[in-house]
Amino acid sequence: MRDKNSTVLIARDIQLTYKLRAKSIYVDSDGSVAIVMEHFGPKTQIPELTVDYLDALCSKFYYGGYTHQDAIADIMLLNSVLTRGDYGNFYSALESNLRAGNVSVISSPIFQ
């Protein structure tokens, strides 16, 4: 990875569930995911996220809805965050974080 722990925006204004809307979703070069929420309480559950789902959101956001394989990594490549050789390790780390439920949620008046 070129620039360790660089974050890119992959989606904005996403309805995750009927009552849960994400203002933005960010993915870090180490496969970490951060979601900025409008409203998030202690009993709020985040739906299970997958690599395919996040790639689809990124495709919609950057590629006008066209399916684009490796959309997140390609955006990171364009921003000099990853190299083409980093794709496998990046997606492996992202999948591992999502399976473990390691998603940071930010919900604060400061970020809204």
Protein backbone atom coordinates (compact mmCIF):
# COMPACT_ATOMS: atom_id res chain seq x y z
CA MET A 1 0.00 0.00 0.00
CA ARG A 2 1.27 3.37 -0.92
CA ASP A 3 -0.27 5.55 1.74
CA LYS A 4 -0.95 3.60 4.90
CA ASN A 5 -4.39 4.15 6.42
CA SER A 6 -5.84 6.53 3.86
CA THR A 7 -9.61 6.75 3.73
CA VAL A 8 -11.90 7.24 0.74
CA LEU A 9 -15.59 8.08 0.55
CA ILE A 10 -17.46 5.25 -1.19
CA ALA A 11 -21.11 6.31 -0.79
CA ARG A 12 -23.41 9.09 0.38
CA ASP A 13 -27.00 9.20 1.58
CA ILE A 14 -27.65 5.45 1.75
CA GLN A 15 -30.79 3.91 3.23
CA LEU A 16 -29.39 0.87 5.09
CA THR A 17 -32.70 -0.22 6.61
CA TYR A 18 -36.21 1.17 6.79
CA LYS A 19 -35.24 3.40 9.75
CA LEU A 20 -31.48 3.70 9.31
CA ARG A 21 -29.82 6.13 6.89
CA ALA A 22 -26.09 6.59 6.44
CA LYS A 23 -24.97 10.09 5.54
CA SER A 24 -21.68 8.68 4.21
CA ILE A 25 -19.60 5.51 4.17
CA TYR A 26 -15.81 5.51 4.19
CA VAL A 27 -13.35 2.67 3.67
CA ASP A 28 -9.75 2.78 4.83
CA SER A 29 -6.79 1.23 3.03
CA ASP A 30 -6.50 -1.33 5.85
CA GLY A 31 -10.07 -2.53 5.19
CA SER A 32 -11.70 -0.57 8.01
CA VAL A 33 -15.22 0.78 7.47
CA ALA A 34 -16.66 3.95 9.00
CA ILE A 35 -20.26 5.03 8.65
CA VAL A 36 -21.53 8.51 9.48
CA MET A 37 -25.17 8.22 10.60
CA GLU A 38 -27.90 10.79 10.95
CA HIS A 39 -29.39 9.11 14.01
CA PHE A 40 -27.86 6.24 15.90
CA GLY A 41 -28.87 5.04 19.34
CA PRO A 42 -27.58 2.36 21.68
CA LYS A 43 -30.20 -0.15 20.53
CA THR A 44 -29.75 0.52 16.81
CA GLN A 45 -28.53 -2.46 14.80
CA ILE A 46 -26.44 -2.07 11.67
CA PRO A 47 -27.41 -4.58 8.98
CA GLU A 48 -24.83 -7.13 7.93
CA LEU A 49 -22.57 -5.54 5.35
CA THR A 50 -20.70 -7.48 2.67
CA VAL A 51 -17.86 -6.66 0.31
CA ASP A 52 -20.19 -7.10 -2.67
CA TYR A 53 -22.74 -4.70 -1.17
CA LEU A 54 -20.11 -2.02 -0.47
CA ASP A 55 -18.62 -2.48 -3.96
CA ALA A 56 -22.13 -2.06 -5.42
CA LEU A 57 -22.66 1.15 -3.41
CA CYS A 58 -19.30 2.45 -4.62
CA SER A 59 -20.18 1.52 -8.23
CA LYS A 60 -23.45 3.41 -7.94
CA PHE A 61 -21.76 6.46 -6.41
CA TYR A 62 -18.75 6.72 -8.75
CA TYR A 63 -19.77 4.85 -11.89
CA GLY A 64 -23.38 5.94 -12.28
CA GLY A 65 -24.87 2.64 -11.22
CA TYR A 66 -22.91 0.52 -13.67
CA THR A 67 -21.51 -2.63 -12.11
CA HIS A 68 -17.79 -2.15 -11.70
CA GLN A 69 -15.72 -5.02 -10.34
CA ASP A 70 -13.30 -3.93 -7.60
CA ALA A 71 -14.90 -0.48 -7.49
CA ILE A 72 -13.57 0.41 -4.04
CA ALA A 73 -10.00 -0.64 -4.80
CA ASP A 74 -10.10 1.16 -8.16
CA ILE A 75 -11.14 4.40 -6.46
CA MET A 76 -8.30 3.89 -3.98
CA LEU A 77 -5.93 3.29 -6.90
CA LEU A 78 -7.07 6.54 -8.52
CA ASN A 79 -6.40 8.35 -5.22
CA SER A 80 -2.92 6.78 -4.88
CA VAL A 81 -3.97 4.86 -1.78
CA LEU A 82 -3.45 1.36 -3.20
CA THR A 83 -1.46 -0.19 -6.00
CA ARG A 84 -2.93 -2.85 -8.28
CA GLY A 85 -0.90 -5.47 -6.39
CA ASP A 86 -2.62 -4.52 -3.10
CA TYR A 87 -6.14 -5.46 -4.24
CA GLY A 88 -6.11 -9.03 -2.89
CA ASN A 89 -4.81 -8.06 0.55
CA PHE A 90 -7.19 -5.10 0.72
CA TYR A 91 -10.30 -7.11 -0.10
CA SER A 92 -9.23 -9.88 2.27
CA ALA A 93 -8.86 -7.36 5.12
CA LEU A 94 -12.17 -5.68 4.22
CA GLU A 95 -14.02 -9.01 4.20
CA SER A 96 -12.42 -10.02 7.50
CA ASN A 97 -13.47 -6.74 9.16
CA LEU A 98 -17.02 -7.01 7.86
CA ARG A 99 -17.42 -10.62 8.96
CA ALA A 100 -16.20 -9.71 12.44
CA GLY A 101 -18.60 -6.76 12.57
CA ASN A 102 -15.75 -4.26 12.88
CA VAL A 103 -17.54 -1.16 11.61
CA SER A 104 -17.09 2.26 13.21
CA VAL A 105 -20.24 4.34 13.52
CA ILE A 106 -20.02 8.10 13.88
CA SER A 107 -23.14 9.94 14.94
CA SER A 108 -22.62 13.35 16.40
CA PRO A 109 -23.99 16.85 15.85
CA ILE A 110 -20.42 17.86 14.96
CA PHE A 111 -20.50 15.63 11.87
CA GLN A 112 -24.02 16.55 10.80
